[in-house]
């Protein structure tokens, strides 16, 4: 048996060093994993030294490091700006997992995928990844060059798979995770599309009627001299206000702009302002809290956030990522400030040595059933499996909530659109009927 020096991370994410006796490097890694250590370097004693931070204070090493960082920054700016959608990334991950599971080395798998890829951006990414591995970088280090494509969750899971020698298994889990996340996203977005389309149609129909149809009827009724009903007067006045043009002074030019243009400009400004405000930390926090209080939609947001948290944390822990690191990644990918803050509190409590279930109870955003399942998972040592089951349950609930929401919104929007058009039609036909009665009399 040989002696291996190692640098590893413990369950709390702290770095530790030491030696281990093993027949080969793979056995040494397996032995460390059984001790709940996650090795970042394993080197046989006498063959090479561990790369530590000892040389950081050396001016020459600092200069080299700065030079490397500068070159890397230029690379990222000029070469590594590539956009891929979630479906392309999911297919790439699934194909890569299949090739590695079939026995092809990682470098060969990347080369094969790069040659057959039609998308120029993705082909360039695969070529760069292959070049990095050929140059001595690990797969996770090469992936980290593309943060816009491979997020922290992806990179850390691949790193755990490399250290544990189960890269193909981790890639399969990543592909499954992305498939389920995309499916969940489509369900939620699908529930929002229908009411938005109906609302846009309603605004378009109303604008068309008020600008082109109602004025002709008003002119006709004005020439007839009949007394207009109150509803008709209200509709005609609204149409006049939309068509009325106000004077705007722009430098030396006077421009008359219809009120309808001003109205749509204000609406556009409100939407842009809301997006800008939501982009701030305080705005995101406030809007997320308000959205969670909206009837029906709040429950859907809550279930979606719990499903995402459980799926992310369960997948990371199953793949061998330390719990504290996994909680950090789950917080960053939560997509909701309320749950991100709750996960941050859980991370701090677990770092102090508390079990996961106690801070989850204190957070006040997790239902009792979720807390109970996590509690059972911690007691039985099956926490990752329990988290995946929680995700499965809540994804099914999201599916049911989306269906229920759609079934409620559809008739309401149809009735609303019918009332809007019906009101305008009644306002036009009531004086028309009175005119016909007068003529017939």
Protein backbone atom coordinates (compact mmCIF):
# COMPACT_ATOMS: atom_id res chain seq x y z
CA UNK A 1 0.00 0.00 0.00
CA UNK A 2 1.13 3.53 -0.78
CA UNK A 3 0.79 6.77 1.17
CA UNK A 4 -1.23 9.59 -0.39
CA UNK A 5 -1.23 13.23 0.68
CA UNK A 6 -4.54 15.01 0.30
CA UNK A 7 -6.35 18.33 0.60
CA UNK A 8 -10.09 17.92 1.22
CA UNK A 9 -13.22 19.75 2.35
CA UNK A 10 -15.22 18.50 5.33
CA UNK A 11 -19.04 18.58 5.66
CA UNK A 12 -18.87 22.21 6.86
CA UNK A 13 -16.83 23.25 3.81
CA UNK A 14 -13.60 23.73 5.81
CA UNK A 15 -10.28 22.73 4.20
CA UNK A 16 -8.26 19.96 5.83
CA UNK A 17 -5.04 18.15 4.91
CA UNK A 18 -3.52 14.80 5.84
CA UNK A 19 -2.38 11.41 4.57
CA UNK A 20 -4.18 8.17 3.80
CA UNK A 21 -2.97 4.62 3.05
CA UNK A 22 -4.41 3.03 -0.11
CA UNK A 23 -3.48 0.72 -2.98
CA UNK A 24 -4.18 3.39 -5.63
CA UNK A 25 -5.53 6.92 -6.04
CA UNK A 26 -9.12 5.79 -6.65
CA UNK A 27 -9.13 3.78 -3.40
CA UNK A 28 -7.67 6.78 -1.56
CA UNK A 29 -10.50 9.00 -2.83
CA UNK A 30 -13.08 6.36 -1.89
CA UNK A 31 -11.59 6.06 1.60
CA UNK A 32 -11.76 9.83 2.10
CA UNK A 33 -15.36 9.93 0.88
CA UNK A 34 -16.29 7.27 3.43
CA UNK A 35 -14.96 9.65 6.12
CA UNK A 36 -17.29 12.42 4.82
CA UNK A 37 -14.35 14.26 3.28
CA UNK A 38 -14.45 15.67 -0.24
CA UNK A 39 -10.89 15.66 -1.69
CA UNK A 40 -9.77 18.46 -3.99
CA UNK A 41 -6.24 17.05 -4.42
CA UNK A 42 -4.84 13.54 -3.88
CA UNK A 43 -1.13 13.00 -4.63
CA UNK A 44 1.06 9.96 -3.94
CA UNK A 45 3.80 10.73 -1.42
CA UNK A 46 7.17 11.39 -3.10
CA UNK A 47 5.81 11.80 -6.63
CA UNK A 48 4.53 15.39 -6.46
CA UNK A 49 3.66 18.06 -3.94
CA UNK A 50 0.23 19.43 -3.10
CA UNK A 51 -0.56 22.84 -4.58
CA UNK A 52 -1.40 25.07 -1.61
CA UNK A 53 -1.60 28.80 -1.04
CA UNK A 54 1.96 28.92 0.37
CA UNK A 55 3.38 30.83 -2.52
CA UNK A 56 0.79 33.56 -2.58
CA UNK A 57 3.06 36.15 -1.01
CA UNK A 58 5.84 35.63 -3.55
CA UNK A 59 5.98 38.71 -5.83
CA UNK A 60 6.82 36.62 -8.89
CA UNK A 61 3.93 34.28 -8.29
CA UNK A 62 1.66 37.30 -7.75
CA UNK A 63 2.77 38.79 -11.05
CA UNK A 64 2.17 35.50 -12.86
CA UNK A 65 -1.20 35.14 -11.20
CA UNK A 66 -2.20 38.68 -12.22
CA UNK A 67 -1.04 38.03 -15.76
CA UNK A 68 -3.04 34.80 -15.93
CA UNK A 69 -6.13 36.51 -14.53
CA UNK A 70 -5.80 39.28 -17.10
CA UNK A 71 -5.53 36.78 -19.94
CA UNK A 72 -8.49 34.83 -18.57
CA UNK A 73 -10.58 38.02 -18.32
CA UNK A 74 -9.81 38.86 -21.96
CA UNK A 75 -10.77 35.32 -22.92
CA UNK A 76 -14.08 35.59 -21.13
CA UNK A 77 -14.87 38.91 -22.79
CA UNK A 78 -13.93 37.96 -26.32
CA UNK A 79 -14.47 34.24 -26.65
CA UNK A 80 -16.72 32.88 -23.94
CA UNK A 81 -19.81 35.04 -24.45
CA UNK A 82 -22.19 32.38 -25.75
CA UNK A 83 -25.93 32.11 -25.15
CA UNK A 84 -27.67 28.74 -24.90
CA UNK A 85 -31.23 28.03 -23.84
CA UNK A 86 -32.06 25.47 -21.17
CA UNK A 87 -33.16 22.87 -23.73
CA UNK A 88 -29.82 22.95 -25.57
CA UNK A 89 -27.93 22.66 -22.28
CA UNK A 90 -30.12 19.75 -21.18
CA UNK A 91 -29.59 17.86 -24.47
CA UNK A 92 -25.83 18.44 -24.26
CA UNK A 93 -25.72 17.09 -20.70
CA UNK A 94 -27.78 14.02 -21.61
CA UNK A 95 -25.61 13.23 -24.66
CA UNK A 96 -22.40 13.66 -22.68
CA UNK A 97 -23.65 11.38 -19.89
CA UNK A 98 -24.62 8.72 -22.44
CA UNK A 99 -21.22 8.77 -24.16
CA UNK A 100 -19.25 8.59 -20.89
CA UNK A 101 -21.50 5.79 -19.57
CA UNK A 102 -20.80 3.90 -22.85
CA UNK A 103 -17.08 3.94 -22.01
CA UNK A 104 -15.77 6.88 -24.02
CA UNK A 105 -13.22 9.11 -22.25
CA UNK A 106 -14.40 12.64 -21.44
CA UNK A 107 -12.07 14.31 -23.95
CA UNK A 108 -13.15 11.96 -26.74
CA UNK A 109 -16.84 12.51 -25.85
CA UNK A 110 -16.47 16.30 -26.08
CA UNK A 111 -14.64 16.00 -29.42
CA UNK A 112 -17.36 13.73 -30.86
CA UNK A 113 -20.15 16.07 -29.74
CA UNK A 114 -18.26 19.10 -31.06
CA UNK A 115 -17.86 17.60 -34.54
CA UNK A 116 -21.54 16.73 -34.90
CA UNK A 117 -22.93 19.94 -33.36
CA UNK A 118 -24.61 22.32 -35.83
CA UNK A 119 -25.03 25.28 -33.46
CA UNK A 120 -21.84 27.40 -33.97
CA UNK A 121 -21.85 28.81 -30.43
CA UNK A 122 -22.25 25.41 -28.77
CA UNK A 123 -19.61 23.90 -31.07
CA UNK A 124 -17.19 26.63 -29.96
CA UNK A 125 -18.02 25.88 -26.31
CA UNK A 126 -17.33 22.16 -26.78
CA UNK A 127 -14.02 22.88 -28.54
CA UNK A 128 -12.93 25.21 -25.72
CA UNK A 129 -13.87 22.62 -23.08
CA UNK A 130 -11.89 19.94 -24.91
CA UNK A 131 -8.87 22.29 -25.24
CA UNK A 132 -9.02 23.04 -21.51
CA UNK A 133 -9.04 19.36 -20.54
CA UNK A 134 -6.25 18.61 -23.00
CA UNK A 135 -4.27 21.45 -21.40
CA UNK A 136 -4.53 19.90 -17.93
CA UNK A 137 -7.64 21.59 -16.49
CA UNK A 138 -10.40 19.61 -14.85
CA UNK A 139 -13.82 19.48 -16.48
CA UNK A 140 -15.35 21.66 -13.74
CA UNK A 141 -12.61 24.29 -14.20
CA UNK A 142 -13.28 24.37 -17.94
CA UNK A 143 -17.04 24.70 -17.37
CA UNK A 144 -16.46 27.63 -15.01
CA UNK A 145 -15.22 29.68 -18.01
CA UNK A 146 -18.85 29.88 -19.15
CA UNK A 147 -20.83 31.16 -16.14
CA UNK A 148 -23.68 32.30 -18.41
CA UNK A 149 -24.23 28.69 -19.55
CA UNK A 150 -23.04 26.53 -16.64
CA UNK A 151 -24.14 28.02 -13.32
CA UNK A 152 -22.70 27.25 -9.88
CA UNK A 153 -25.05 24.32 -9.39
CA UNK A 154 -23.82 22.70 -12.63
CA UNK A 155 -20.12 23.33 -11.96
CA UNK A 156 -20.23 22.15 -8.34
CA UNK A 157 -22.10 18.96 -9.19
CA UNK A 158 -19.59 18.14 -11.94
CA UNK A 159 -16.75 18.84 -9.49
CA UNK A 160 -18.29 16.43 -6.97
CA UNK A 161 -18.70 13.82 -9.72
CA UNK A 162 -15.05 14.19 -10.72
CA UNK A 163 -13.83 13.78 -7.15
CA UNK A 164 -16.03 10.75 -6.58
CA UNK A 165 -15.32 9.14 -9.94
CA UNK A 166 -19.02 9.11 -10.86
CA UNK A 167 -19.14 11.86 -13.49
CA UNK A 168 -21.59 10.03 -15.77
CA UNK A 169 -24.02 9.49 -12.85
CA UNK A 170 -23.86 13.17 -11.90
CA UNK A 171 -24.44 14.24 -15.51
CA UNK A 172 -27.51 11.98 -15.66
CA UNK A 173 -28.83 13.60 -12.47
CA UNK A 174 -28.14 17.05 -13.89
CA UNK A 175 -30.04 16.20 -17.08
CA UNK A 176 -33.00 14.89 -15.04
CA UNK A 177 -32.90 17.99 -12.83
CA UNK A 178 -32.96 20.32 -15.84
CA UNK A 179 -35.78 18.35 -17.49
CA UNK A 180 -37.95 18.60 -14.37
CA UNK A 181 -37.06 22.28 -13.82
CA UNK A 182 -37.96 23.11 -17.43
CA UNK A 183 -41.22 21.18 -17.15
CA UNK A 184 -42.13 23.05 -13.97
CA UNK A 185 -41.27 26.40 -15.56
CA UNK A 186 -43.42 25.67 -18.61
CA UNK A 187 -46.40 24.80 -16.41
CA UNK A 188 -46.17 28.06 -14.47
CA UNK A 189 -45.54 30.21 -17.58
CA UNK A 190 -48.38 28.41 -19.38
CA UNK A 191 -50.79 29.45 -16.63
CA UNK A 192 -49.83 33.10 -17.13
CA UNK A 193 -49.90 33.20 -20.95
CA UNK A 194 -53.66 32.77 -21.42
CA UNK A 195 -54.81 35.71 -19.24
CA UNK A 196 -52.12 37.97 -20.73
CA UNK A 197 -53.22 37.14 -24.30
CA UNK A 198 -56.90 37.75 -23.46
CA UNK A 199 -56.01 41.05 -21.74
CA UNK A 200 -54.01 42.26 -24.75
CA UNK A 201 -56.88 41.27 -27.06
CA UNK A 202 -59.36 43.13 -24.87
CA UNK A 203 -57.25 46.31 -24.92
CA UNK A 204 -56.75 46.02 -28.70
CA UNK A 205 -60.47 45.50 -29.42
CA UNK A 206 -61.50 48.37 -27.13
CA UNK A 207 -58.94 50.72 -28.69
CA UNK A 208 -60.08 49.84 -32.22
CA UNK A 209 -63.77 50.33 -31.40
CA UNK A 210 -63.17 53.62 -29.58
CA UNK A 211 -60.95 55.11 -32.29
CA UNK A 212 -62.64 53.94 -35.51
CA UNK A 213 -66.18 52.66 -34.86
CA UNK A 214 -67.62 54.80 -32.05
CA UNK A 215 -66.77 58.21 -33.69
CA UNK A 216 -68.79 57.29 -36.84
CA UNK A 217 -71.83 56.36 -34.76
CA UNK A 218 -71.49 59.58 -32.74
CA UNK A 219 -71.46 61.66 -35.90
CA UNK A 220 -74.52 59.87 -37.22
CA UNK A 221 -76.47 60.30 -33.96
CA UNK A 222 -75.41 63.95 -33.69
CA UNK A 223 -76.89 64.72 -37.12
CA UNK A 224 -80.15 62.96 -36.20
CA UNK A 225 -80.64 65.14 -33.10
CA UNK A 226 -82.06 62.37 -30.90
CA UNK A 227 -81.57 62.28 -27.12
CA UNK A 228 -78.69 59.91 -26.21
CA UNK A 229 -78.96 57.46 -23.28
CA UNK A 230 -76.53 57.94 -20.37
CA UNK A 231 -74.48 54.82 -21.31
CA UNK A 232 -74.04 56.09 -24.87
CA UNK A 233 -72.93 59.52 -23.64
CA UNK A 234 -70.32 57.92 -21.37
CA UNK A 235 -68.91 55.77 -24.20
CA UNK A 236 -68.84 58.71 -26.65
CA UNK A 237 -67.08 60.93 -24.10
CA UNK A 238 -64.48 58.24 -23.45
CA UNK A 239 -63.87 57.93 -27.19
CA UNK A 240 -63.50 61.74 -27.48
CA UNK A 241 -60.92 61.77 -24.70
CA UNK A 242 -58.89 59.03 -26.39
CA UNK A 243 -58.88 60.90 -29.72
CA UNK A 244 -58.35 64.37 -28.23
CA UNK A 245 -54.93 65.76 -29.07
CA UNK A 246 -52.94 67.72 -26.50
CA UNK A 247 -50.29 70.28 -27.35
CA UNK A 248 -46.68 69.43 -26.39
CA UNK A 249 -43.88 71.97 -26.67
CA UNK A 250 -40.65 70.34 -27.85
CA UNK A 251 -38.05 73.04 -28.38
CA UNK A 252 -39.24 75.26 -31.22
CA UNK A 253 -41.73 72.67 -32.50
CA UNK A 254 -45.33 72.32 -31.32
CA UNK A 255 -46.61 68.74 -31.60
CA UNK A 256 -50.18 67.53 -31.10
CA UNK A 257 -50.22 64.00 -29.64
CA UNK A 258 -53.47 62.00 -29.23
CA UNK A 259 -54.35 60.99 -25.68
CA UNK A 260 -54.33 57.31 -26.66
CA UNK A 261 -50.64 57.59 -27.58
CA UNK A 262 -49.91 59.27 -24.26
CA UNK A 263 -51.87 56.54 -22.45
CA UNK A 264 -49.90 53.73 -24.08
CA UNK A 265 -46.63 55.60 -23.47
CA UNK A 266 -47.52 55.90 -19.78
CA UNK A 267 -48.41 52.20 -19.64
CA UNK A 268 -45.09 51.31 -21.24
CA UNK A 269 -43.29 53.59 -18.78
CA UNK A 270 -45.02 51.93 -15.82
CA UNK A 271 -43.99 48.45 -17.06
CA UNK A 272 -40.36 49.53 -17.61
CA UNK A 273 -40.28 51.29 -14.23
CA UNK A 274 -41.66 48.22 -12.49
CA UNK A 275 -39.00 46.01 -14.10
CA UNK A 276 -36.25 48.45 -13.09
CA UNK A 277 -37.56 48.64 -9.52
CA UNK A 278 -37.85 44.84 -9.34
CA UNK A 279 -34.22 44.65 -10.46
CA UNK A 280 -33.15 46.31 -7.21
CA UNK A 281 -32.69 44.31 -4.00
CA UNK A 282 -35.40 46.21 -2.09
CA UNK A 283 -37.79 46.06 -5.05
CA UNK A 284 -37.34 42.32 -5.52
CA UNK A 285 -37.90 41.72 -1.81
CA UNK A 286 -41.09 43.83 -1.72
CA UNK A 287 -42.60 42.48 -4.96
CA UNK A 288 -41.89 38.84 -4.03
CA UNK A 289 -43.65 39.35 -0.68
CA UNK A 290 -46.63 41.05 -2.36
CA UNK A 291 -46.92 38.35 -5.03
CA UNK A 292 -47.02 35.64 -2.36
CA UNK A 293 -50.06 37.32 -0.76
CA UNK A 294 -52.12 37.37 -3.98
CA UNK A 295 -54.97 34.81 -3.78
CA UNK A 296 -54.41 31.68 -5.90
CA UNK A 297 -51.13 33.01 -7.38
CA UNK A 298 -49.45 33.19 -3.95
CA UNK A 299 -50.07 29.49 -3.30
CA UNK A 300 -48.67 28.62 -6.74
CA UNK A 301 -45.50 30.67 -6.10
CA UNK A 302 -45.04 29.01 -2.69
CA UNK A 303 -45.35 25.48 -4.10
CA UNK A 304 -43.03 26.27 -7.00
CA UNK A 305 -40.36 27.70 -4.66
CA UNK A 306 -40.51 24.68 -2.32
CA UNK A 307 -40.28 22.25 -5.24
CA UNK A 308 -37.24 24.09 -6.66
CA UNK A 309 -35.50 24.25 -3.27
CA UNK A 310 -36.05 20.56 -2.52
CA UNK A 311 -35.05 19.42 -6.03
CA UNK A 312 -31.87 21.55 -6.04
CA UNK A 313 -30.72 20.61 -2.52
CA UNK A 314 -31.58 16.93 -2.95
CA UNK A 315 -29.75 16.69 -6.28
CA UNK A 316 -26.65 18.44 -4.94
CA UNK A 317 -26.39 16.39 -1.73
CA UNK A 318 -27.00 13.15 -3.64
CA UNK A 319 -24.14 14.06 -5.97
CA UNK A 320 -21.72 14.53 -3.07
CA UNK A 321 -21.71 18.31 -2.66
CA UNK A 322 -21.22 19.31 1.03
CA UNK A 323 -24.44 20.44 2.71
CA UNK A 324 -23.29 24.02 3.38
CA UNK A 325 -22.15 24.50 -0.19
CA UNK A 326 -25.39 22.93 -1.41
CA UNK A 327 -27.46 25.34 0.71
CA UNK A 328 -25.54 28.31 -0.72
CA UNK A 329 -26.26 27.16 -4.27
CA UNK A 330 -29.94 26.47 -3.43
CA UNK A 331 -30.20 30.01 -2.05
CA UNK A 332 -28.71 31.55 -5.20
CA UNK A 333 -30.99 29.56 -7.51
CA UNK A 334 -34.20 29.87 -5.46
CA UNK A 335 -35.69 32.60 -7.67
CA UNK A 336 -37.63 34.09 -4.73
CA UNK A 337 -36.17 36.52 -2.17
CA UNK A 338 -38.42 35.27 0.65
CA UNK A 339 -37.16 31.70 0.28
CA UNK A 340 -33.59 32.85 -0.44
CA UNK A 341 -33.54 34.65 2.93
CA UNK A 342 -35.01 31.57 4.64
CA UNK A 343 -32.37 29.29 3.07
CA UNK A 344 -29.66 31.76 4.17
CA UNK A 345 -30.88 31.48 7.78
CA UNK A 346 -30.88 27.67 7.47
CA UNK A 347 -27.29 27.78 6.16
CA UNK A 348 -26.12 29.90 9.11
CA UNK A 349 -27.83 27.61 11.63
CA UNK A 350 -26.42 24.41 10.06
CA UNK A 351 -22.96 26.01 10.06
CA UNK A 352 -23.31 26.39 13.85
CA UNK A 353 -24.03 22.66 14.16
CA UNK A 354 -27.84 22.61 14.24
CA UNK A 355 -29.84 19.97 12.32
CA UNK A 356 -31.59 21.11 9.17
CA UNK A 357 -35.12 20.75 10.56
CA UNK A 358 -34.81 23.34 13.39
CA UNK A 359 -34.05 26.42 11.25
CA UNK A 360 -36.62 25.25 8.68
CA UNK A 361 -39.28 25.44 11.40
CA UNK A 362 -38.07 28.87 12.50
CA UNK A 363 -38.13 30.22 8.91
CA UNK A 364 -41.93 30.05 8.83
CA UNK A 365 -42.20 29.49 5.05
CA UNK A 366 -42.08 25.68 4.91
CA UNK A 367 -45.29 23.64 5.47
CA UNK A 368 -45.33 21.05 8.32
CA UNK A 369 -45.32 18.12 5.87
CA UNK A 370 -42.03 19.32 4.35
CA UNK A 371 -40.44 19.78 7.78
CA UNK A 372 -41.63 16.31 8.88
CA UNK A 373 -40.18 14.62 5.78
CA UNK A 374 -36.85 16.42 6.22
CA UNK A 375 -36.83 15.41 9.90
CA UNK A 376 -37.38 11.75 8.99
CA UNK A 377 -34.69 11.99 6.31
CA UNK A 378 -32.14 13.35 8.77
CA UNK A 379 -32.94 10.69 11.39
CA UNK A 380 -32.73 7.80 8.93
CA UNK A 381 -29.76 9.15 6.94
CA UNK A 382 -31.92 9.38 3.80
CA UNK A 383 -32.14 13.17 3.52
CA UNK A 384 -31.40 13.38 -0.25
CA UNK A 385 -34.11 10.81 -1.05
CA UNK A 386 -36.62 12.63 1.15
CA UNK A 387 -35.85 15.96 -0.51
CA UNK A 388 -36.37 14.44 -3.96
CA UNK A 389 -39.71 13.00 -2.77
CA UNK A 390 -40.73 16.43 -1.46
CA UNK A 391 -39.87 17.90 -4.87
CA UNK A 392 -41.93 15.22 -6.66
CA UNK A 393 -44.95 15.83 -4.40
CA UNK A 394 -44.86 19.61 -4.80
CA UNK A 395 -44.30 19.46 -8.55
CA UNK A 396 -47.49 17.39 -8.78
CA UNK A 397 -49.25 19.97 -6.61
CA UNK A 398 -48.00 22.75 -8.90
CA UNK A 399 -49.43 20.83 -11.86
CA UNK A 400 -52.82 20.59 -10.10
CA UNK A 401 -52.71 24.26 -9.01
CA UNK A 402 -51.93 25.40 -12.57
CA UNK A 403 -54.83 23.36 -13.96
CA UNK A 404 -57.20 24.75 -11.31
CA UNK A 405 -55.99 28.31 -11.89
CA UNK A 406 -56.43 28.00 -15.65
CA UNK A 407 -59.94 26.57 -15.26
CA UNK A 408 -60.89 29.55 -13.07
CA UNK A 409 -59.20 32.29 -15.11
CA UNK A 410 -60.44 31.17 -18.56
CA UNK A 411 -64.19 31.71 -17.96
CA UNK A 412 -63.55 34.90 -15.96
CA UNK A 413 -61.50 36.44 -18.77
CA UNK A 414 -64.04 35.38 -21.42
CA UNK A 415 -66.89 36.90 -19.39
CA UNK A 416 -64.88 40.09 -18.83
CA UNK A 417 -64.12 40.44 -22.54
CA UNK A 418 -67.78 39.79 -23.40
CA UNK A 419 -68.94 42.46 -20.90
CA UNK A 420 -66.50 45.01 -22.31
CA UNK A 421 -67.51 44.50 -25.94
CA UNK A 422 -71.16 44.08 -24.99
CA UNK A 423 -71.20 47.41 -23.15
CA UNK A 424 -69.81 49.25 -26.19
CA UNK A 425 -72.25 47.49 -28.54
CA UNK A 426 -75.21 48.36 -26.28
CA UNK A 427 -74.10 51.99 -26.12
CA UNK A 428 -74.13 52.11 -29.94
CA UNK A 429 -77.36 50.22 -30.56
CA UNK A 430 -79.59 51.82 -27.91
CA UNK A 431 -79.79 55.20 -29.73
CA UNK A 432 -79.91 53.34 -33.07
CA UNK A 433 -83.03 51.49 -31.93
CA UNK A 434 -84.53 54.77 -30.70
CA UNK A 435 -83.81 56.30 -34.13
CA UNK A 436 -85.51 53.42 -35.94
CA UNK A 437 -88.56 53.67 -33.65
CA UNK A 438 -88.77 57.42 -34.34
CA UNK A 439 -88.55 56.91 -38.10
CA UNK A 440 -91.12 54.10 -38.08
CA UNK A 441 -93.47 56.29 -35.95
